[in-house]
């Protein structure tokens, strides 16, 4: 856990993010959400990582037979 302080930047409050917690990319938008007394900071758009590489790892016959026998139970009417 790292400790830091808030400071004034113009008419806004600002917080210094310690180097060990800093984001690697400086050119990104962040979302700040308040949850009670806590502020949660996260990237505005989450990256999907190497999703195309993961898809490429599937065999050519993946799901060739479909999902198989997938019967759903009857539900009570609403």
C-alpha atoms as a PDB file:
ATOM      1  CA  UNK A   1       0.000   0.000   0.000  1.00  0.00           C
ATOM      2  CA  UNK A   2       1.315   3.432  -0.913  1.00  0.00           C
ATOM      3  CA  UNK A   3       0.424   6.734   0.732  1.00  0.00           C
ATOM      4  CA  UNK A   4       0.106  10.061  -1.045  1.00  0.00           C
ATOM      5  CA  UNK A   5      -1.523  13.459  -0.535  1.00  0.00           C
ATOM      6  CA  UNK A   6      -4.011  15.521  -2.460  1.00  0.00           C
ATOM      7  CA  UNK A   7      -3.137  18.989  -3.718  1.00  0.00           C
ATOM      8  CA  UNK A   8      -4.799  21.831  -5.579  1.00  0.00           C
ATOM      9  CA  UNK A   9      -4.406  22.137  -9.334  1.00  0.00           C
ATOM     10  CA  UNK A  10      -6.310  25.236 -10.450  1.00  0.00           C
ATOM     11  CA  UNK A  11      -9.838  24.815  -9.078  1.00  0.00           C
ATOM     12  CA  UNK A  12      -9.560  21.012  -8.887  1.00  0.00           C
ATOM     13  CA  UNK A  13      -8.114  18.549  -6.432  1.00  0.00           C
ATOM     14  CA  UNK A  14      -5.345  16.357  -7.763  1.00  0.00           C
ATOM     15  CA  UNK A  15      -3.528  13.316  -6.464  1.00  0.00           C
ATOM     16  CA  UNK A  16       0.001  12.176  -7.224  1.00  0.00           C
ATOM     17  CA  UNK A  17       0.131   8.510  -8.185  1.00  0.00           C
ATOM     18  CA  UNK A  18       3.349   6.975  -6.809  1.00  0.00           C
ATOM     19  CA  UNK A  19       5.696   5.500  -9.410  1.00  0.00           C
ATOM     20  CA  UNK A  20       5.152   1.927  -8.214  1.00  0.00           C
ATOM     21  CA  UNK A  21       1.402   2.265  -8.898  1.00  0.00           C
ATOM     22  CA  UNK A  22       1.591   4.395 -12.060  1.00  0.00           C
ATOM     23  CA  UNK A  23      -0.047   3.330 -15.300  1.00  0.00           C
ATOM     24  CA  UNK A  24       2.453   2.459 -18.033  1.00  0.00           C
ATOM     25  CA  UNK A  25       0.546   4.347 -20.717  1.00  0.00           C
ATOM     26  CA  UNK A  26       0.393   8.124 -20.220  1.00  0.00           C
ATOM     27  CA  UNK A  27      -2.003   8.722 -23.131  1.00  0.00           C
ATOM     28  CA  UNK A  28      -5.174   7.225 -21.732  1.00  0.00           C
ATOM     29  CA  UNK A  29      -8.410   8.433 -20.233  1.00  0.00           C
ATOM     30  CA  UNK A  30      -9.333   7.377 -16.733  1.00  0.00           C
ATOM     31  CA  UNK A  31     -12.665   6.958 -14.983  1.00  0.00           C
ATOM     32  CA  UNK A  32     -12.940   8.020 -11.345  1.00  0.00           C
ATOM     33  CA  UNK A  33     -15.860   6.648  -9.331  1.00  0.00           C
ATOM     34  CA  UNK A  34     -16.787   7.371  -5.755  1.00  0.00           C
ATOM     35  CA  UNK A  35     -17.783   4.425  -3.549  1.00  0.00           C
ATOM     36  CA  UNK A  36     -18.542   5.865  -0.121  1.00  0.00           C
ATOM     37  CA  UNK A  37     -15.293   7.402   1.143  1.00  0.00           C
ATOM     38  CA  UNK A  38     -13.206   5.670  -1.534  1.00  0.00           C
ATOM     39  CA  UNK A  39     -12.277   6.770  -5.039  1.00  0.00           C
ATOM     40  CA  UNK A  40     -11.710   4.069  -7.647  1.00  0.00           C
ATOM     41  CA  UNK A  41      -9.548   4.993 -10.642  1.00  0.00           C
ATOM     42  CA  UNK A  42      -9.450   2.764 -13.731  1.00  0.00           C
ATOM     43  CA  UNK A  43      -8.847   3.042 -17.475  1.00  0.00           C
ATOM     44  CA  UNK A  44     -11.919   4.337 -19.338  1.00  0.00           C
ATOM     45  CA  UNK A  45     -11.733   1.500 -21.856  1.00  0.00           C
ATOM     46  CA  UNK A  46     -10.423  -1.848 -20.829  1.00  0.00           C
ATOM     47  CA  UNK A  47      -8.113  -3.435 -23.346  1.00  0.00           C
ATOM     48  CA  UNK A  48      -8.903  -6.844 -24.741  1.00  0.00           C
ATOM     49  CA  UNK A  49      -5.288  -7.899 -24.761  1.00  0.00           C
ATOM     50  CA  UNK A  50      -4.227 -10.372 -27.407  1.00  0.00           C
ATOM     51  CA  UNK A  51      -7.743 -11.621 -28.149  1.00  0.00           C
ATOM     52  CA  UNK A  52      -7.046 -12.283 -31.838  1.00  0.00           C
ATOM     53  CA  UNK A  53      -4.072 -14.393 -30.859  1.00  0.00           C
ATOM     54  CA  UNK A  54      -6.267 -16.345 -28.467  1.00  0.00           C
ATOM     55  CA  UNK A  55      -8.846 -16.967 -31.199  1.00  0.00           C
ATOM     56  CA  UNK A  56      -6.076 -18.099 -33.549  1.00  0.00           C
ATOM     57  CA  UNK A  57      -5.173 -20.775 -30.994  1.00  0.00           C
ATOM     58  CA  UNK A  58      -8.469 -22.629 -31.523  1.00  0.00           C
ATOM     59  CA  UNK A  59      -8.347 -25.617 -33.849  1.00  0.00           C
ATOM     60  CA  UNK A  60     -10.096 -25.364 -37.232  1.00  0.00           C
ATOM     61  CA  UNK A  61     -12.719 -27.908 -36.110  1.00  0.00           C
ATOM     62  CA  UNK A  62     -13.546 -26.093 -32.874  1.00  0.00           C
ATOM     63  CA  UNK A  63     -17.316 -26.273 -32.294  1.00  0.00           C
ATOM     64  CA  UNK A  64     -17.746 -28.130 -35.638  1.00  0.00           C
ATOM     65  CA  UNK A  65     -20.327 -30.370 -33.979  1.00  0.00           C
ATOM     66  CA  UNK A  66     -22.099 -27.453 -32.351  1.00  0.00           C
ATOM     67  CA  UNK A  67     -22.804 -27.305 -28.658  1.00  0.00           C
ATOM     68  CA  UNK A  68     -24.100 -30.836 -28.446  1.00  0.00           C
ATOM     69  CA  UNK A  69     -27.232 -31.816 -26.562  1.00  0.00           C
ATOM     70  CA  UNK A  70     -28.147 -28.782 -24.564  1.00  0.00           C
ATOM     71  CA  UNK A  71     -31.650 -29.140 -23.201  1.00  0.00           C
ATOM     72  CA  UNK A  72     -32.902 -26.526 -20.824  1.00  0.00           C
ATOM     73  CA  UNK A  73     -35.208 -27.293 -17.946  1.00  0.00           C
ATOM     74  CA  UNK A  74     -38.691 -25.878 -18.075  1.00  0.00           C
ATOM     75  CA  UNK A  75     -39.172 -22.750 -16.050  1.00  0.00           C
ATOM     76  CA  UNK A  76     -42.118 -21.625 -14.054  1.00  0.00           C
ATOM     77  CA  UNK A  77     -44.131 -18.983 -15.924  1.00  0.00           C
ATOM     78  CA  UNK A  78     -43.834 -15.428 -14.673  1.00  0.00           C
END
